[in-house]
Amino acid sequence: MAPMTTWASNDDGTISDEEDAYYRCRAKDVGLVITGCTHVQSNGIGFTGEFASYDDTFIPSLRKLATAAKSGGAPAILQLFHAGVKTRPELVDDVIAASAVSGHAGPFADAIVPRALEENEIVGLIEAFAAAARRAIAAGFDGIELHGAHGFLLQNFFSPHSNVRTDKWGGSLENRMRFPLAVVSAVKAEIAKHANKPFALGYRITVEEAFEGGLQLADSLQLVTRLVDAEISYLHVSLSSALDQKPVKSRPNATIVSILNDHIAGRIPLIGAGQLKTPAQAENALNQGLSLIAVGKALVINPDWVADARTGRDGDIHLAISAANVAPARIPHKLWTVIDATPGWFNVVTSPA
């Protein structure tokens, strides 16, 4: 189950009963559940209705989510992030990022200029990620995933577009890798200290930014090497199309998945996400070398996707969503509101009269 934002938490940042039902409805057959993202500092919220993990008072809420996500018997991973330049400005007083550089236009990006973080704030953020990992352990999760993709804070520091710092946290590739690797190190230390059973540490990555001055694949491969050396549990690559997406500039005859597979060379599992909607597409992706495939939108529409795929009921898997899906699929009201109001995100059809 791919990490998907639900916009459905309670106003106080705790898990709602609608979210609880949403996860239970989809967790019964999948092999792994990765939750939607949760902000590790109060000033890092990226979406309305986003559940929080920035304080110990949220541990009971996180425990409720872990119980729901694990209700089908699969392990559950809590995805941690700070939205950085994509923080919702109407929800915080101070939007912060690696540098005072506005985010590149995207479906959820705001054209605002954030405040560049001070040195002591960077150290505090590293500690915040580690503390959220400790809460995930206390709540009963089986691992955490660091969200280093989609233009959020970890990517803000890694990208030469959004990180123009001149101190040790920016400039050279080595310096731009410093923050994400420091977060990995701090989280690993918390896992070693607090986990009494195997506990996964995954990293989600966007490997390229398709605009001038943006992140390049060659830099991402160097970060991947360092992440493998740091003994992360898996790499999760987020793509617009996992089956056939190719690099913007380099190696145009190879897919990004094949390049990553060759680079990782079996040292850690590789999860791929991106337009994997049918069992045939999923099988194709696995045959291309992915260790696991992450099903997102198709699982929102079809909570029984895995059971249907396993039993050959491909014809029962829908590729479009309508208002008629909301109740039987336990789709939270706020999630449906966003889907219905965002043309092109899902294939939305009008229900028959």
Protein backbone atom coordinates (compact mmCIF):
# COMPACT_ATOMS: atom_id res chain seq x y z
CA MET A 1 0.00 0.00 0.00
CA ALA A 2 1.63 3.20 -1.20
CA PRO A 3 1.73 6.23 1.11
CA MET A 4 -1.32 8.32 0.24
CA THR A 5 -2.47 11.52 1.95
CA THR A 6 -6.08 11.32 3.16
CA TRP A 7 -6.72 14.92 4.36
CA ALA A 8 -8.88 13.16 6.95
CA SER A 9 -7.34 13.62 10.39
CA ASN A 10 -9.06 15.37 13.26
CA ASP A 11 -8.49 19.10 13.66
CA ASP A 12 -6.07 18.44 16.53
CA GLY A 13 -3.78 16.30 14.33
CA THR A 14 -4.96 12.95 15.66
CA ILE A 15 -6.15 10.00 13.60
CA SER A 16 -9.87 10.13 12.85
CA ASP A 17 -12.26 7.19 12.86
CA GLU A 18 -12.62 7.65 9.07
CA GLU A 19 -8.86 7.18 8.62
CA ASP A 20 -8.93 4.15 10.90
CA ALA A 21 -11.62 2.55 8.73
CA TYR A 22 -9.83 3.55 5.50
CA TYR A 23 -6.64 1.71 6.53
CA ARG A 24 -8.43 -1.34 7.90
CA CYS A 25 -10.35 -1.66 4.63
CA ARG A 26 -7.11 -1.84 2.60
CA ALA A 27 -4.69 -3.59 4.96
CA LYS A 28 -6.32 -7.01 4.82
CA ASP A 29 -4.43 -8.40 1.81
CA VAL A 30 -1.37 -6.26 1.11
CA GLY A 31 2.16 -7.32 2.02
CA LEU A 32 3.22 -3.98 3.46
CA VAL A 33 1.42 -0.81 4.51
CA ILE A 34 3.17 2.55 4.21
CA THR A 35 1.10 5.32 5.76
CA GLY A 36 0.62 8.81 4.43
CA CYS A 37 3.14 11.38 5.63
CA THR A 38 3.17 12.87 9.12
CA HIS A 39 4.96 16.11 10.06
CA VAL A 40 7.75 15.84 12.61
CA GLN A 41 7.54 19.51 13.60
CA SER A 42 4.40 21.58 14.04
CA ASN A 43 5.66 24.02 11.38
CA GLY A 44 6.09 21.29 8.75
CA ILE A 45 2.50 20.48 7.81
CA GLY A 46 2.00 19.99 4.08
CA PHE A 47 -1.73 19.31 3.82
CA THR A 48 -4.90 20.17 5.70
CA GLY A 49 -6.20 17.24 7.72
CA GLU A 50 -2.70 15.79 8.16
CA PHE A 51 -1.99 13.65 11.23
CA ALA A 52 0.90 14.75 13.44
CA SER A 53 3.86 13.06 15.13
CA TYR A 54 5.81 16.02 16.54
CA ASP A 55 5.04 15.47 20.23
CA ASP A 56 4.69 12.54 22.61
CA THR A 57 1.02 13.46 23.09
CA PHE A 58 0.43 12.02 19.61
CA ILE A 59 1.66 8.52 20.52
CA PRO A 60 -1.87 7.24 21.33
CA SER A 61 -3.06 8.55 17.95
CA LEU A 62 -0.12 6.91 16.18
CA ARG A 63 -0.84 3.69 18.06
CA LYS A 64 -4.41 3.79 16.73
CA LEU A 65 -3.04 4.15 13.20
CA ALA A 66 -0.48 1.37 13.66
CA THR A 67 -3.16 -0.99 14.94
CA ALA A 68 -5.38 -0.25 11.92
CA ALA A 69 -2.52 -0.50 9.42
CA LYS A 70 -1.40 -3.85 10.89
CA SER A 71 -4.91 -5.25 11.18
CA GLY A 72 -4.48 -7.39 8.07
CA GLY A 73 -1.30 -9.01 9.35
CA ALA A 74 1.20 -7.05 7.23
CA PRO A 75 3.96 -4.86 8.68
CA ALA A 76 3.25 -1.13 8.84
CA ILE A 77 5.66 1.71 8.06
CA LEU A 78 5.12 5.29 9.27
CA GLN A 79 6.22 7.89 6.72
CA LEU A 80 7.96 10.92 8.29
CA PHE A 81 8.47 14.29 6.66
CA HIS A 82 8.67 18.03 6.96
CA ALA A 83 7.01 19.86 4.08
CA GLY A 84 9.70 22.57 3.83
CA VAL A 85 8.93 25.03 1.03
CA LYS A 86 5.63 23.19 0.43
CA THR A 87 4.38 23.81 3.97
CA ARG A 88 0.85 25.21 3.91
CA PRO A 89 1.32 28.95 4.59
CA GLU A 90 -2.23 29.33 5.91
CA LEU A 91 -1.46 26.77 8.62
CA VAL A 92 1.86 28.10 9.95
CA ASP A 93 3.38 31.47 10.72
CA ASP A 94 6.80 30.73 9.28
CA VAL A 95 7.56 28.66 6.16
CA ILE A 96 11.11 27.32 6.38
CA ALA A 97 13.40 25.46 3.99
CA ALA A 98 17.08 24.97 3.15
CA SER A 99 17.27 28.34 1.41
CA ALA A 100 15.06 31.31 0.59
CA VAL A 101 14.10 29.83 -2.78
CA SER A 102 10.49 29.39 -3.86
CA GLY A 103 9.30 25.92 -4.71
CA HIS A 104 8.97 24.88 -8.33
CA ALA A 105 5.38 24.94 -9.53
CA GLY A 106 3.47 21.73 -8.89
CA PRO A 107 -0.02 20.53 -8.04
CA PHE A 108 0.35 21.32 -4.33
CA ALA A 109 3.20 23.87 -4.35
CA ASP A 110 2.71 27.45 -3.28
CA ALA A 111 4.71 30.20 -5.00
CA ILE A 112 6.12 31.61 -1.79
CA VAL A 113 9.67 32.25 -0.67
CA PRO A 114 10.52 30.39 2.55
CA ARG A 115 12.87 31.53 5.27
CA ALA A 116 16.29 29.86 5.20
CA LEU A 117 16.91 27.73 8.28
CA GLU A 118 19.51 28.76 10.83
CA GLU A 119 22.21 26.29 11.91
CA ASN A 120 20.61 25.57 15.28
CA GLU A 121 17.25 25.00 13.59
CA ILE A 122 18.78 22.42 11.26
CA VAL A 123 20.15 20.52 14.25
CA GLY A 124 16.71 20.74 15.86
CA LEU A 125 15.08 19.32 12.77
CA ILE A 126 17.43 16.34 12.72
CA GLU A 127 16.47 15.70 16.34
CA ALA A 128 12.79 16.07 15.44
CA PHE A 129 12.99 13.31 12.83
CA ALA A 130 14.73 11.06 15.35
CA ALA A 131 12.13 11.80 18.04
CA ALA A 132 9.30 10.98 15.63
CA ALA A 133 11.00 7.66 14.85
CA ARG A 134 11.07 6.93 18.58
CA ARG A 135 7.33 7.64 18.74
CA ALA A 136 6.76 5.27 15.82
CA ILE A 137 8.53 2.53 17.79
CA ALA A 138 6.45 3.29 20.89
CA ALA A 139 3.26 3.23 18.82
CA GLY A 140 3.96 -0.26 17.49
CA PHE A 141 4.99 0.42 13.90
CA ASP A 142 7.44 -1.92 12.18
CA GLY A 143 9.51 0.84 10.60
CA ILE A 144 9.61 4.40 9.31
CA GLU A 145 10.11 5.85 5.86
CA LEU A 146 11.85 9.19 5.40
CA HIS A 147 10.06 11.18 2.71
CA GLY A 148 12.92 12.57 0.65
CA ALA A 149 10.80 13.09 -2.47
CA HIS A 150 8.24 15.47 -4.00
CA GLY A 151 10.07 18.68 -3.15
CA PHE A 152 9.70 18.41 0.62
CA LEU A 153 12.40 19.42 3.11
CA LEU A 154 14.81 16.50 2.67
CA GLN A 155 14.76 17.14 -1.08
CA ASN A 156 15.02 20.91 -0.46
CA PHE A 157 18.42 20.29 1.08
CA PHE A 158 19.56 17.83 -1.59
CA SER A 159 18.50 19.78 -4.66
CA PRO A 160 20.89 22.41 -6.11
CA HIS A 161 17.81 24.39 -7.14
CA SER A 162 16.42 24.78 -3.64
CA ASN A 163 19.68 24.68 -1.65
CA VAL A 164 21.96 27.63 -2.36
CA ARG A 165 23.50 27.76 1.11
CA THR A 166 27.17 28.61 1.51
CA ASP A 167 27.74 26.85 4.84
CA LYS A 168 28.38 23.16 5.48
CA TRP A 169 24.73 22.36 4.69
CA GLY A 170 24.83 23.45 1.05
CA GLY A 171 26.83 24.19 -2.07
CA SER A 172 28.77 21.08 -2.99
CA LEU A 173 27.11 17.71 -3.50
CA GLU A 174 28.74 16.46 -0.32
CA ASN A 175 27.26 19.35 1.64
CA ARG A 176 23.82 18.97 0.07
CA MET A 177 23.79 15.32 1.13
CA ARG A 178 24.74 16.24 4.68
CA PHE A 179 21.22 16.92 6.00
CA PRO A 180 19.46 13.78 4.69
CA LEU A 181 22.37 11.59 5.77
CA ALA A 182 22.40 13.24 9.21
CA VAL A 183 18.69 12.49 9.55
CA VAL A 184 19.31 8.85 8.58
CA SER A 185 22.11 8.60 11.14
CA ALA A 186 20.03 10.15 13.92
CA VAL A 187 17.06 7.88 13.19
CA LYS A 188 19.31 4.80 13.14
CA ALA A 189 20.61 5.77 16.58
CA GLU A 190 17.05 6.00 17.94
CA ILE A 191 16.17 2.64 16.44
CA ALA A 192 19.23 1.05 18.03
CA LYS A 193 18.32 2.61 21.37
CA HIS A 194 14.59 1.95 21.53
CA ALA A 195 13.56 -0.89 19.18
CA ASN A 196 13.44 -4.36 20.75
CA LYS A 197 12.67 -6.10 17.43
CA PRO A 198 13.65 -5.55 13.79
CA PHE A 199 12.59 -2.05 12.73
CA ALA A 200 12.89 -0.85 9.14
CA LEU A 201 14.31 2.46 7.91
CA GLY A 202 13.27 3.26 4.36
CA TYR A 203 13.97 6.29 2.21
CA ARG A 204 11.64 7.67 -0.48
CA ILE A 205 13.36 9.57 -3.25
CA THR A 206 12.67 11.68 -6.31
CA VAL A 207 15.75 11.18 -8.47
CA GLU A 208 15.33 14.12 -10.87
CA GLU A 209 13.78 17.56 -11.12
CA ALA A 210 12.76 18.23 -14.71
CA PHE A 211 13.60 21.92 -14.85
CA GLU A 212 16.70 24.01 -15.37
CA GLY A 213 19.08 23.87 -12.42
CA GLY A 214 17.15 21.06 -10.81
CA LEU A 215 18.29 17.81 -9.25
CA GLN A 216 20.12 15.47 -11.64
CA LEU A 217 20.11 11.68 -11.70
CA ALA A 218 23.90 11.49 -11.32
CA ASP A 219 23.68 13.29 -7.97
CA SER A 220 20.84 11.05 -6.83
CA LEU A 221 22.84 7.93 -7.60
CA GLN A 222 25.60 9.21 -5.33
CA LEU A 223 23.07 9.76 -2.56
CA VAL A 224 21.71 6.26 -3.14
CA THR A 225 25.23 4.88 -2.70
CA ARG A 226 25.57 6.70 0.60
CA LEU A 227 22.13 5.52 1.74
CA VAL A 228 23.04 1.92 0.94
CA ASP A 229 26.33 2.36 2.80
CA ALA A 230 24.32 3.71 5.75
CA GLU A 231 22.40 0.41 5.72
CA ILE A 232 18.91 1.69 5.12
CA SER A 233 16.35 -1.10 4.82
CA TYR A 234 14.99 -0.19 1.39
CA LEU A 235 14.82 2.55 -1.23
CA HIS A 236 11.42 3.72 -2.47
CA VAL A 237 11.53 5.59 -5.79
CA SER A 238 8.54 7.77 -6.67
CA LEU A 239 8.00 8.10 -10.43
CA SER A 240 5.33 9.42 -12.76
CA SER A 241 5.48 6.03 -14.49
CA ALA A 242 7.39 3.20 -12.88
CA LEU A 243 7.26 1.01 -15.98
CA ASP A 244 8.83 3.29 -18.55
CA GLN A 245 10.02 6.62 -17.13
CA LYS A 246 13.43 7.57 -18.53
CA PRO A 247 15.98 10.15 -17.39
CA VAL A 248 15.46 13.72 -18.55
CA LYS A 249 18.95 14.01 -20.07
CA SER A 250 21.35 11.13 -19.45
CA ARG A 251 21.02 7.54 -20.68
CA PRO A 252 17.80 8.03 -22.67
CA ASN A 253 17.62 4.38 -23.69
CA ALA A 254 17.35 3.08 -20.12
CA THR A 255 14.50 3.42 -17.62
CA ILE A 256 15.09 4.93 -14.20
CA VAL A 257 14.09 1.63 -12.59
CA SER A 258 16.70 -0.27 -14.61
CA ILE A 259 19.38 2.30 -13.77
CA LEU A 260 18.58 2.09 -10.07
CA ASN A 261 18.51 -1.70 -10.19
CA ASP A 262 21.94 -1.78 -11.81
CA HIS A 263 23.28 0.75 -9.31
CA ILE A 264 21.89 -0.94 -6.20
CA ALA A 265 22.89 -4.38 -7.50
CA GLY A 266 20.70 -6.25 -5.05
CA ARG A 267 22.22 -4.71 -1.94
CA ILE A 268 18.84 -3.47 -0.65
CA PRO A 269 15.24 -3.89 -1.83
CA LEU A 270 13.88 -1.36 -4.33
CA ILE A 271 10.23 -0.32 -4.15
CA GLY A 272 8.70 1.47 -7.13
CA ALA A 273 5.60 3.62 -7.33
CA GLY A 274 4.00 5.33 -10.29
CA GLN A 275 0.89 4.46 -12.30
CA LEU A 276 0.87 0.80 -11.33
CA LYS A 277 -2.86 0.20 -11.47
CA THR A 278 -3.48 -3.28 -12.90
CA PRO A 279 -2.13 -6.72 -11.96
CA ALA A 280 -0.49 -6.97 -15.39
CA GLN A 281 1.35 -3.69 -14.82
CA ALA A 282 2.40 -4.85 -11.37
CA GLU A 283 3.74 -8.13 -12.71
CA ASN A 284 5.58 -6.29 -15.47
CA ALA A 285 7.20 -3.99 -12.90
CA LEU A 286 8.32 -6.94 -10.79
CA ASN A 287 9.77 -8.58 -13.88
CA GLN A 288 11.78 -5.41 -14.50
CA GLY A 289 13.54 -5.98 -11.18
CA LEU A 290 11.54 -4.14 -8.54
CA SER A 291 11.50 -5.92 -5.20
CA LEU A 292 8.05 -4.55 -4.33
CA ILE A 293 5.53 -2.43 -6.16
CA ALA A 294 3.56 0.29 -4.37
CA VAL A 295 -0.11 0.50 -5.33
CA GLY A 296 -1.68 3.86 -4.54
CA LYS A 297 -4.64 5.25 -6.46
CA ALA A 298 -5.80 1.81 -7.58
CA LEU A 299 -5.98 0.70 -3.95
CA VAL A 300 -7.93 3.82 -3.00
CA ILE A 301 -10.53 2.91 -5.63
CA ASN A 302 -10.29 -0.87 -5.10
CA PRO A 303 -9.70 -1.93 -1.48
CA ASP A 304 -9.81 -5.57 -2.67
CA TRP A 305 -7.16 -5.00 -5.37
CA VAL A 306 -4.75 -7.63 -4.04
CA ALA A 307 -7.42 -10.29 -3.59
CA ASP A 308 -8.78 -9.61 -7.07
CA ALA A 309 -5.27 -9.76 -8.55
CA ARG A 310 -4.45 -12.99 -6.73
CA THR A 311 -7.61 -14.75 -7.94
CA GLY A 312 -7.51 -13.47 -11.50
CA ARG A 313 -10.50 -11.15 -11.16
CA ASP A 314 -8.80 -8.37 -13.11
CA GLY A 315 -12.13 -7.31 -14.58
CA ASP A 316 -13.36 -6.37 -11.11
CA ILE A 317 -10.58 -3.77 -10.72
CA HIS A 318 -11.83 -0.30 -11.57
CA LEU A 319 -9.57 2.41 -13.00
CA ALA A 320 -12.01 5.26 -12.34
CA ILE A 321 -13.70 6.55 -9.21
CA SER A 322 -17.12 8.02 -8.59
CA ALA A 323 -19.19 9.18 -5.66
CA ALA A 324 -20.66 5.69 -5.53
CA ASN A 325 -17.25 4.36 -4.41
CA VAL A 326 -17.05 6.54 -1.32
CA ALA A 327 -19.12 4.55 1.16
CA PRO A 328 -18.27 0.95 0.16
CA ALA A 329 -14.54 1.76 -0.15
CA ARG A 330 -14.52 3.64 3.17
CA ILE A 331 -13.03 6.71 1.49
CA PRO A 332 -12.92 9.59 4.00
CA HIS A 333 -15.20 12.47 3.13
CA LYS A 334 -12.34 14.98 3.02
CA LEU A 335 -10.32 12.75 0.70
CA TRP A 336 -13.25 12.45 -1.69
CA THR A 337 -13.73 16.23 -1.58
CA VAL A 338 -10.11 16.74 -2.67
CA ILE A 339 -10.31 14.05 -5.36
CA ASP A 340 -13.51 15.50 -6.76
CA ALA A 341 -12.06 19.03 -6.79
CA THR A 342 -8.70 18.12 -8.38
CA PRO A 343 -9.20 17.32 -12.08
CA GLY A 344 -6.60 14.96 -13.47
CA TRP A 345 -5.43 13.54 -10.15
CA PHE A 346 -7.86 10.61 -10.33
CA ASN A 347 -10.04 9.50 -13.22
CA VAL A 348 -13.35 10.69 -11.78
CA VAL A 349 -16.59 9.66 -13.46
CA THR A 350 -20.16 10.70 -12.82
CA SER A 351 -22.19 8.00 -11.19
CA PRO A 352 -25.11 6.70 -13.25
CA ALA A 353 -28.49 8.04 -12.23
